[in-house]
Amino acid sequence: MNFLFPLLPYFWLALLVGAILAVIVAAIRARPKKPKKGKAAEQESEAADPFAGSEPVLDFGDELSQMEKK
């Protein structure tokens, strides 16, 4: 068992390097993916958001009627 004590610092170094590499790999894998190019990507984006091409409509009817009552 005494032959393992001189190797102990190398085990610690390997553990620290492994932990650092694990954090780096996790950060790289967690980045958002690049959008796809082409017609397939356009069809997927249209299917995902049906209101993407429409103009927003502001409806102040209820707010205006409340202001007129005051």
N, C-alpha and C. Protein backbone atom coordinates (compact mmCIF):
# COMPACT_ATOMS: atom_id res chain seq x y z
N MET A 1 0.81 -1.20 0.00
CA MET A 1 0.00 0.00 0.00
C MET A 1 0.86 1.26 0.00
N ASN A 2 2.04 1.19 0.46
CA ASN A 2 2.89 2.37 0.53
C ASN A 2 3.28 2.88 -0.85
N PHE A 3 3.17 2.06 -1.88
CA PHE A 3 3.56 2.50 -3.21
C PHE A 3 2.54 3.46 -3.83
N LEU A 4 1.31 3.56 -3.25
CA LEU A 4 0.29 4.46 -3.79
C LEU A 4 0.43 5.90 -3.28
N PHE A 5 1.09 6.09 -2.14
CA PHE A 5 1.20 7.44 -1.58
C PHE A 5 1.96 8.40 -2.48
N PRO A 6 3.03 8.02 -3.14
CA PRO A 6 3.68 8.98 -4.06
C PRO A 6 2.81 9.34 -5.26
N LEU A 7 1.84 8.47 -5.62
CA LEU A 7 0.98 8.75 -6.76
C LEU A 7 -0.25 9.59 -6.40
N LEU A 8 -0.47 9.83 -5.13
CA LEU A 8 -1.65 10.57 -4.68
C LEU A 8 -1.77 11.96 -5.29
N PRO A 9 -0.72 12.76 -5.38
CA PRO A 9 -0.86 14.08 -6.02
C PRO A 9 -1.30 13.98 -7.48
N TYR A 10 -0.86 12.95 -8.18
CA TYR A 10 -1.27 12.80 -9.58
C TYR A 10 -2.75 12.43 -9.69
N PHE A 11 -3.26 11.66 -8.74
CA PHE A 11 -4.68 11.37 -8.73
C PHE A 11 -5.50 12.65 -8.50
N TRP A 12 -5.02 13.51 -7.59
CA TRP A 12 -5.71 14.76 -7.33
C TRP A 12 -5.67 15.66 -8.57
N LEU A 13 -4.53 15.73 -9.22
CA LEU A 13 -4.44 16.53 -10.44
C LEU A 13 -5.38 16.00 -11.52
N ALA A 14 -5.44 14.69 -11.66
CA ALA A 14 -6.33 14.10 -12.66
C ALA A 14 -7.79 14.42 -12.31
N LEU A 15 -8.14 14.39 -11.04
CA LEU A 15 -9.50 14.72 -10.61
C LEU A 15 -9.82 16.17 -10.91
N LEU A 16 -8.91 17.08 -10.61
CA LEU A 16 -9.15 18.50 -10.87
C LEU A 16 -9.25 18.79 -12.37
N VAL A 17 -8.37 18.20 -13.17
CA VAL A 17 -8.43 18.40 -14.61
C VAL A 17 -9.73 17.83 -15.17
N GLY A 18 -10.14 16.69 -14.68
CA GLY A 18 -11.41 16.10 -15.12
C GLY A 18 -12.60 16.97 -14.78
N ALA A 19 -12.59 17.57 -13.58
CA ALA A 19 -13.69 18.45 -13.19
C ALA A 19 -13.73 19.70 -14.07
N ILE A 20 -12.57 20.26 -14.36
CA ILE A 20 -12.53 21.45 -15.21
C ILE A 20 -13.00 21.12 -16.62
N LEU A 21 -12.54 20.00 -17.15
CA LEU A 21 -12.97 19.60 -18.49
C LEU A 21 -14.48 19.31 -18.53
N ALA A 22 -15.01 18.74 -17.47
CA ALA A 22 -16.45 18.46 -17.43
C ALA A 22 -17.25 19.75 -17.47
N VAL A 23 -16.79 20.79 -16.78
CA VAL A 23 -17.49 22.07 -16.80
C VAL A 23 -17.42 22.70 -18.19
N ILE A 24 -16.26 22.62 -18.82
CA ILE A 24 -16.11 23.20 -20.16
C ILE A 24 -17.00 22.47 -21.16
N VAL A 25 -17.03 21.16 -21.11
CA VAL A 25 -17.86 20.38 -22.03
C VAL A 25 -19.33 20.67 -21.80
N ALA A 26 -19.74 20.78 -20.55
CA ALA A 26 -21.15 21.07 -20.25
C ALA A 26 -21.53 22.46 -20.76
N ALA A 27 -20.63 23.43 -20.64
CA ALA A 27 -20.93 24.78 -21.12
C ALA A 27 -21.03 24.81 -22.64
N ILE A 28 -20.18 24.07 -23.31
CA ILE A 28 -20.23 24.04 -24.78
C ILE A 28 -21.50 23.35 -25.26
N ARG A 29 -21.89 22.28 -24.61
CA ARG A 29 -23.09 21.55 -25.03
C ARG A 29 -24.37 22.31 -24.71
N ALA A 30 -24.35 23.23 -23.75
CA ALA A 30 -25.55 23.96 -23.35
C ALA A 30 -25.82 25.17 -24.21
N ARG A 31 -24.89 25.52 -25.11
CA ARG A 31 -25.11 26.68 -25.97
C ARG A 31 -26.28 26.42 -26.91
N PRO A 32 -27.01 27.50 -27.28
CA PRO A 32 -28.11 27.31 -28.22
C PRO A 32 -27.61 26.87 -29.59
N LYS A 33 -28.40 26.07 -30.23
CA LYS A 33 -28.03 25.54 -31.54
C LYS A 33 -28.21 26.61 -32.61
N LYS A 34 -27.43 26.53 -33.67
CA LYS A 34 -27.57 27.46 -34.78
C LYS A 34 -28.84 27.12 -35.55
N PRO A 35 -29.52 28.15 -36.07
CA PRO A 35 -30.75 27.86 -36.82
C PRO A 35 -30.44 27.15 -38.13
N LYS A 36 -31.39 26.29 -38.55
CA LYS A 36 -31.23 25.58 -39.81
C LYS A 36 -31.45 26.53 -40.97
N LYS A 37 -30.82 26.23 -42.09
CA LYS A 37 -31.00 27.04 -43.29
C LYS A 37 -31.77 26.23 -44.32
N GLY A 38 -32.58 26.94 -45.11
CA GLY A 38 -33.31 26.26 -46.17
C GLY A 38 -34.80 26.30 -45.99
N LYS A 39 -35.48 25.62 -46.89
CA LYS A 39 -36.94 25.62 -46.90
C LYS A 39 -37.51 24.83 -45.73
N ALA A 40 -36.83 23.78 -45.31
CA ALA A 40 -37.33 22.98 -44.18
C ALA A 40 -37.37 23.81 -42.91
N ALA A 41 -36.38 24.67 -42.73
CA ALA A 41 -36.35 25.52 -41.54
C ALA A 41 -37.46 26.55 -41.58
N GLU A 42 -37.77 27.09 -42.77
CA GLU A 42 -38.85 28.06 -42.89
C GLU A 42 -40.19 27.43 -42.56
N GLN A 43 -40.40 26.20 -43.02
CA GLN A 43 -41.66 25.52 -42.74
C GLN A 43 -41.79 25.21 -41.25
N GLU A 44 -40.68 24.84 -40.61
CA GLU A 44 -40.73 24.55 -39.18
C GLU A 44 -41.02 25.82 -38.39
N SER A 45 -40.42 26.94 -38.80
CA SER A 45 -40.65 28.18 -38.07
C SER A 45 -42.09 28.67 -38.25
N GLU A 46 -42.66 28.47 -39.43
CA GLU A 46 -44.06 28.85 -39.65
C GLU A 46 -44.99 27.98 -38.81
N ALA A 47 -44.68 26.72 -38.71
CA ALA A 47 -45.53 25.82 -37.93
C ALA A 47 -45.41 26.12 -36.44
N ALA A 48 -44.26 26.58 -36.00
CA ALA A 48 -44.04 26.84 -34.58
C ALA A 48 -44.77 28.10 -34.13
N ASP A 49 -44.80 29.15 -34.97
CA ASP A 49 -45.40 30.42 -34.58
C ASP A 49 -46.39 30.86 -35.66
N PRO A 50 -47.68 30.58 -35.49
CA PRO A 50 -48.65 30.94 -36.53
C PRO A 50 -48.88 32.44 -36.65
N PHE A 51 -48.55 33.24 -35.63
CA PHE A 51 -48.76 34.68 -35.64
C PHE A 51 -47.51 35.46 -36.02
N ALA A 52 -46.50 34.80 -36.59
CA ALA A 52 -45.23 35.45 -36.88
C ALA A 52 -45.39 36.54 -37.94
N GLY A 53 -46.23 36.36 -38.94
CA GLY A 53 -46.38 37.34 -40.00
C GLY A 53 -47.47 38.35 -39.78
N SER A 54 -48.27 38.20 -38.75
CA SER A 54 -49.40 39.11 -38.56
C SER A 54 -48.98 40.33 -37.76
N GLU A 55 -49.71 41.41 -37.98
CA GLU A 55 -49.45 42.66 -37.27
C GLU A 55 -50.13 42.60 -35.89
N PRO A 56 -49.50 43.14 -34.87
CA PRO A 56 -50.16 43.17 -33.56
C PRO A 56 -51.32 44.17 -33.57
N VAL A 57 -52.38 43.80 -32.89
CA VAL A 57 -53.57 44.65 -32.81
C VAL A 57 -53.72 45.11 -31.37
N LEU A 58 -53.77 46.43 -31.19
CA LEU A 58 -53.95 46.99 -29.86
C LEU A 58 -55.42 47.32 -29.66
N ASP A 59 -56.01 46.82 -28.59
CA ASP A 59 -57.41 47.04 -28.31
C ASP A 59 -57.53 47.82 -27.01
N PHE A 60 -57.85 49.10 -27.13
CA PHE A 60 -57.99 49.94 -25.95
C PHE A 60 -59.45 50.23 -25.64
N GLY A 61 -60.39 49.44 -26.15
CA GLY A 61 -61.80 49.72 -25.96
C GLY A 61 -62.21 49.74 -24.50
N ASP A 62 -61.83 48.74 -23.74
CA ASP A 62 -62.24 48.68 -22.33
C ASP A 62 -61.58 49.79 -21.53
N GLU A 63 -60.31 50.08 -21.80
CA GLU A 63 -59.62 51.12 -21.05
C GLU A 63 -60.22 52.49 -21.32
N LEU A 64 -60.59 52.74 -22.59
CA LEU A 64 -61.19 54.03 -22.92
C LEU A 64 -62.56 54.19 -22.27
N SER A 65 -63.33 53.12 -22.25
CA SER A 65 -64.66 53.23 -21.61
C SER A 65 -64.52 53.45 -20.11
N GLN A 66 -63.52 52.86 -19.49
CA GLN A 66 -63.31 53.09 -18.06
C GLN A 66 -62.86 54.52 -17.79
N MET A 67 -62.06 55.07 -18.70
CA MET A 67 -61.60 56.45 -18.51
C MET A 67 -62.75 57.42 -18.69
N GLU A 68 -63.71 57.13 -19.61
CA GLU A 68 -64.83 58.01 -19.83
C GLU A 68 -65.79 58.01 -18.65
N LYS A 69 -65.87 56.88 -17.93
CA LYS A 69 -66.78 56.80 -16.79
C LYS A 69 -66.26 57.59 -15.59
N LYS A 70 -64.97 57.82 -15.51
CA LYS A 70 -64.41 58.53 -14.35
C LYS A 70 -64.67 60.01 -14.38
